[in-house]
Amino acid sequence: MRPKLAKMMTNTTWMTAKEAKDFGFVDEVVTGSLKKAPANVGFANCLKDYANVPAELLSSMQPKPVTDEREVQSLRDYISIFKGE
């Protein structure tokens, strides 16, 4: 296992929770019906410094454009509260 682990580390191997369990890195995988977390720009920016980042992870970190005018207005109202307008 050590040579395989060393190779995985050298290759900057990314894995799913299930793969981590299969390799024995975790005891269990906790699942649930949580909503998808919003894109975290800071986290997404740090990913560019890593090799072999899964495309699915990168694409999930990209903020989605807001096209719903009600949502846009809601965000504008929220911002104006903090600006004291």
N, C-alpha and C. Protein backbone atom coordinates (compact mmCIF):
# COMPACT_ATOMS: atom_id res chain seq x y z
N MET A 1 0.83 -1.21 0.00
CA MET A 1 0.00 0.00 0.00
C MET A 1 0.86 1.26 0.00
N ARG A 2 2.01 1.24 0.67
CA ARG A 2 2.86 2.43 0.72
C ARG A 2 3.28 2.92 -0.66
N PRO A 3 3.74 2.03 -1.55
CA PRO A 3 4.12 2.54 -2.88
C PRO A 3 2.92 3.15 -3.62
N LYS A 4 1.75 2.53 -3.48
CA LYS A 4 0.56 3.06 -4.14
C LYS A 4 0.19 4.42 -3.54
N LEU A 5 0.26 4.54 -2.22
CA LEU A 5 -0.06 5.80 -1.56
C LEU A 5 0.94 6.88 -1.97
N ALA A 6 2.21 6.53 -2.03
CA ALA A 6 3.24 7.49 -2.45
C ALA A 6 2.96 7.98 -3.87
N LYS A 7 2.57 7.06 -4.75
CA LYS A 7 2.26 7.45 -6.13
C LYS A 7 1.03 8.35 -6.17
N MET A 8 0.02 8.04 -5.36
CA MET A 8 -1.19 8.87 -5.32
C MET A 8 -0.83 10.29 -4.86
N MET A 9 0.04 10.39 -3.87
CA MET A 9 0.44 11.71 -3.36
C MET A 9 1.25 12.46 -4.41
N THR A 10 2.16 11.78 -5.07
CA THR A 10 2.96 12.41 -6.12
C THR A 10 2.08 12.91 -7.26
N ASN A 11 1.06 12.14 -7.59
CA ASN A 11 0.15 12.50 -8.68
C ASN A 11 -0.94 13.47 -8.27
N THR A 12 -0.96 13.90 -7.01
CA THR A 12 -2.02 14.75 -6.48
C THR A 12 -3.38 14.14 -6.82
N THR A 13 -3.61 12.95 -6.31
CA THR A 13 -4.83 12.22 -6.62
C THR A 13 -6.02 12.78 -5.84
N TRP A 14 -7.09 13.04 -6.54
CA TRP A 14 -8.35 13.48 -5.94
C TRP A 14 -9.28 12.28 -5.96
N MET A 15 -10.16 12.20 -4.97
CA MET A 15 -11.09 11.08 -4.94
C MET A 15 -12.41 11.50 -4.33
N THR A 16 -13.41 10.71 -4.64
CA THR A 16 -14.73 10.92 -4.06
C THR A 16 -14.75 10.37 -2.64
N ALA A 17 -15.81 10.67 -1.94
CA ALA A 17 -15.96 10.14 -0.58
C ALA A 17 -15.98 8.61 -0.61
N LYS A 18 -16.66 8.04 -1.58
CA LYS A 18 -16.73 6.58 -1.67
C LYS A 18 -15.34 5.98 -1.93
N GLU A 19 -14.59 6.62 -2.82
CA GLU A 19 -13.23 6.13 -3.09
C GLU A 19 -12.36 6.22 -1.84
N ALA A 20 -12.51 7.31 -1.08
CA ALA A 20 -11.74 7.46 0.16
C ALA A 20 -12.09 6.35 1.14
N LYS A 21 -13.37 5.98 1.20
CA LYS A 21 -13.79 4.88 2.08
C LYS A 21 -13.22 3.56 1.58
N ASP A 22 -13.27 3.34 0.28
CA ASP A 22 -12.74 2.11 -0.30
C ASP A 22 -11.25 1.95 -0.02
N PHE A 23 -10.52 3.07 0.01
CA PHE A 23 -9.09 3.03 0.30
C PHE A 23 -8.79 2.97 1.79
N GLY A 24 -9.82 3.13 2.62
CA GLY A 24 -9.63 3.07 4.06
C GLY A 24 -9.22 4.38 4.71
N PHE A 25 -9.37 5.49 3.98
CA PHE A 25 -9.02 6.79 4.56
C PHE A 25 -10.10 7.32 5.50
N VAL A 26 -11.32 6.85 5.35
CA VAL A 26 -12.43 7.25 6.21
C VAL A 26 -13.20 6.00 6.61
N ASP A 27 -13.90 6.09 7.74
CA ASP A 27 -14.68 4.96 8.22
C ASP A 27 -16.06 4.88 7.60
N GLU A 28 -16.64 6.04 7.35
CA GLU A 28 -17.97 6.05 6.76
C GLU A 28 -18.18 7.32 5.96
N VAL A 29 -19.14 7.25 5.05
CA VAL A 29 -19.52 8.40 4.24
C VAL A 29 -20.90 8.82 4.68
N VAL A 30 -21.02 10.07 5.10
CA VAL A 30 -22.29 10.60 5.55
C VAL A 30 -22.95 11.30 4.37
N THR A 31 -24.18 10.92 4.09
CA THR A 31 -24.92 11.54 3.00
C THR A 31 -26.17 12.18 3.56
N GLY A 32 -26.75 13.03 2.79
CA GLY A 32 -27.97 13.68 3.23
C GLY A 32 -28.61 14.41 2.08
N SER A 33 -29.62 15.15 2.40
CA SER A 33 -30.33 15.88 1.35
C SER A 33 -30.07 17.38 1.48
N LEU A 34 -28.83 17.74 1.75
CA LEU A 34 -28.49 19.15 1.86
C LEU A 34 -28.52 19.80 0.49
N LYS A 35 -28.89 21.08 0.49
CA LYS A 35 -28.85 21.83 -0.75
C LYS A 35 -27.39 22.04 -1.14
N LYS A 36 -27.18 22.21 -2.41
CA LYS A 36 -25.83 22.47 -2.90
C LYS A 36 -25.35 23.79 -2.33
N ALA A 37 -24.13 23.79 -1.82
CA ALA A 37 -23.57 25.01 -1.26
C ALA A 37 -23.29 26.02 -2.37
N PRO A 38 -23.43 27.31 -2.06
CA PRO A 38 -23.11 28.31 -3.07
C PRO A 38 -21.62 28.29 -3.40
N ALA A 39 -21.27 28.80 -4.55
CA ALA A 39 -19.87 28.83 -4.95
C ALA A 39 -19.07 29.66 -3.95
N ASN A 40 -17.94 29.15 -3.56
CA ASN A 40 -17.04 29.83 -2.64
C ASN A 40 -15.86 30.32 -3.47
N VAL A 41 -15.83 31.61 -3.75
CA VAL A 41 -14.83 32.16 -4.65
C VAL A 41 -13.42 31.95 -4.11
N GLY A 42 -13.23 32.12 -2.81
CA GLY A 42 -11.91 31.92 -2.22
C GLY A 42 -11.42 30.50 -2.41
N PHE A 43 -12.30 29.54 -2.16
CA PHE A 43 -11.93 28.14 -2.34
C PHE A 43 -11.65 27.84 -3.81
N ALA A 44 -12.50 28.36 -4.67
CA ALA A 44 -12.31 28.13 -6.11
C ALA A 44 -10.98 28.71 -6.58
N ASN A 45 -10.61 29.87 -6.06
CA ASN A 45 -9.34 30.48 -6.46
C ASN A 45 -8.14 29.65 -6.01
N CYS A 46 -8.22 29.05 -4.82
CA CYS A 46 -7.08 28.27 -4.35
C CYS A 46 -6.92 26.97 -5.14
N LEU A 47 -7.98 26.49 -5.76
CA LEU A 47 -7.89 25.24 -6.52
C LEU A 47 -6.95 25.35 -7.71
N LYS A 48 -6.77 26.56 -8.22
CA LYS A 48 -5.91 26.72 -9.40
C LYS A 48 -4.45 26.37 -9.09
N ASP A 49 -4.10 26.34 -7.81
CA ASP A 49 -2.73 26.01 -7.42
C ASP A 49 -2.48 24.51 -7.32
N TYR A 50 -3.51 23.70 -7.51
CA TYR A 50 -3.38 22.25 -7.39
C TYR A 50 -3.41 21.59 -8.76
N ALA A 51 -2.74 20.45 -8.83
CA ALA A 51 -2.73 19.67 -10.08
C ALA A 51 -3.90 18.70 -10.09
N ASN A 52 -4.36 18.38 -11.26
CA ASN A 52 -5.35 17.31 -11.47
C ASN A 52 -6.67 17.52 -10.75
N VAL A 53 -7.08 18.76 -10.58
CA VAL A 53 -8.38 19.02 -9.93
C VAL A 53 -9.47 18.50 -10.85
N PRO A 54 -10.39 17.68 -10.33
CA PRO A 54 -11.46 17.15 -11.17
C PRO A 54 -12.29 18.27 -11.81
N ALA A 55 -12.56 18.12 -13.09
CA ALA A 55 -13.33 19.13 -13.82
C ALA A 55 -14.70 19.35 -13.17
N GLU A 56 -15.30 18.29 -12.66
CA GLU A 56 -16.61 18.42 -12.02
C GLU A 56 -16.54 19.35 -10.80
N LEU A 57 -15.46 19.24 -10.03
CA LEU A 57 -15.29 20.12 -8.87
C LEU A 57 -15.10 21.56 -9.32
N LEU A 58 -14.26 21.77 -10.31
CA LEU A 58 -14.03 23.13 -10.81
C LEU A 58 -15.32 23.76 -11.34
N SER A 59 -16.08 22.99 -12.10
CA SER A 59 -17.31 23.55 -12.67
C SER A 59 -18.35 23.81 -11.59
N SER A 60 -18.34 23.02 -10.52
CA SER A 60 -19.30 23.25 -9.43
C SER A 60 -18.96 24.50 -8.63
N MET A 61 -17.74 24.99 -8.74
CA MET A 61 -17.31 26.17 -8.01
C MET A 61 -17.57 27.47 -8.76
N GLN A 62 -17.93 27.36 -10.03
CA GLN A 62 -18.17 28.56 -10.83
C GLN A 62 -19.53 29.14 -10.47
N PRO A 63 -19.57 30.43 -10.11
CA PRO A 63 -20.86 31.04 -9.80
C PRO A 63 -21.76 31.06 -11.03
N LYS A 64 -23.00 30.78 -10.81
CA LYS A 64 -23.98 30.78 -11.89
C LYS A 64 -24.54 32.20 -12.06
N PRO A 65 -24.68 32.66 -13.29
CA PRO A 65 -25.24 34.01 -13.48
C PRO A 65 -26.69 34.06 -13.02
N VAL A 66 -27.04 35.18 -12.43
CA VAL A 66 -28.41 35.39 -11.96
C VAL A 66 -29.22 35.97 -13.11
N THR A 67 -30.28 35.25 -13.48
CA THR A 67 -31.10 35.73 -14.60
C THR A 67 -32.52 36.08 -14.16
N ASP A 68 -32.88 35.69 -12.96
CA ASP A 68 -34.22 35.97 -12.45
C ASP A 68 -34.24 37.41 -11.93
N GLU A 69 -35.02 38.27 -12.55
CA GLU A 69 -35.05 39.69 -12.18
C GLU A 69 -35.48 39.89 -10.73
N ARG A 70 -36.36 39.04 -10.23
CA ARG A 70 -36.77 39.16 -8.82
C ARG A 70 -35.60 38.89 -7.89
N GLU A 71 -34.78 37.92 -8.27
CA GLU A 71 -33.61 37.61 -7.45
C GLU A 71 -32.60 38.75 -7.51
N VAL A 72 -32.44 39.33 -8.69
CA VAL A 72 -31.53 40.47 -8.85
C VAL A 72 -31.99 41.61 -7.96
N GLN A 73 -33.29 41.93 -8.00
CA GLN A 73 -33.81 43.03 -7.19
C GLN A 73 -33.67 42.72 -5.71
N SER A 74 -33.89 41.49 -5.32
CA SER A 74 -33.74 41.08 -3.93
C SER A 74 -32.31 41.30 -3.46
N LEU A 75 -31.34 40.95 -4.30
CA LEU A 75 -29.93 41.16 -3.96
C LEU A 75 -29.61 42.65 -3.87
N ARG A 76 -30.16 43.45 -4.77
CA ARG A 76 -29.94 44.89 -4.72
C ARG A 76 -30.51 45.48 -3.43
N ASP A 77 -31.70 45.02 -3.04
CA ASP A 77 -32.32 45.49 -1.80
C ASP A 77 -31.46 45.11 -0.60
N TYR A 78 -30.95 43.91 -0.61
CA TYR A 78 -30.11 43.42 0.48
C TYR A 78 -28.84 44.27 0.60
N ILE A 79 -28.23 44.58 -0.53
CA ILE A 79 -27.01 45.40 -0.54
C ILE A 79 -27.31 46.81 -0.03
N SER A 80 -28.44 47.35 -0.43
CA SER A 80 -28.77 48.72 -0.02
C SER A 80 -28.97 48.81 1.49
N ILE A 81 -29.40 47.74 2.11
CA ILE A 81 -29.55 47.73 3.59
C ILE A 81 -28.17 47.96 4.22
N PHE A 82 -27.16 47.29 3.70
CA PHE A 82 -25.82 47.43 4.27
C PHE A 82 -25.19 48.77 3.93
N LYS A 83 -25.60 49.35 2.82
CA LYS A 83 -25.07 50.66 2.46
C LYS A 83 -25.79 51.78 3.23
N GLY A 84 -26.89 51.43 3.86
CA GLY A 84 -27.66 52.43 4.61
C GLY A 84 -28.52 53.30 3.74
N GLU A 85 -28.90 52.78 2.61
CA GLU A 85 -29.74 53.57 1.68
C GLU A 85 -31.20 53.45 2.02
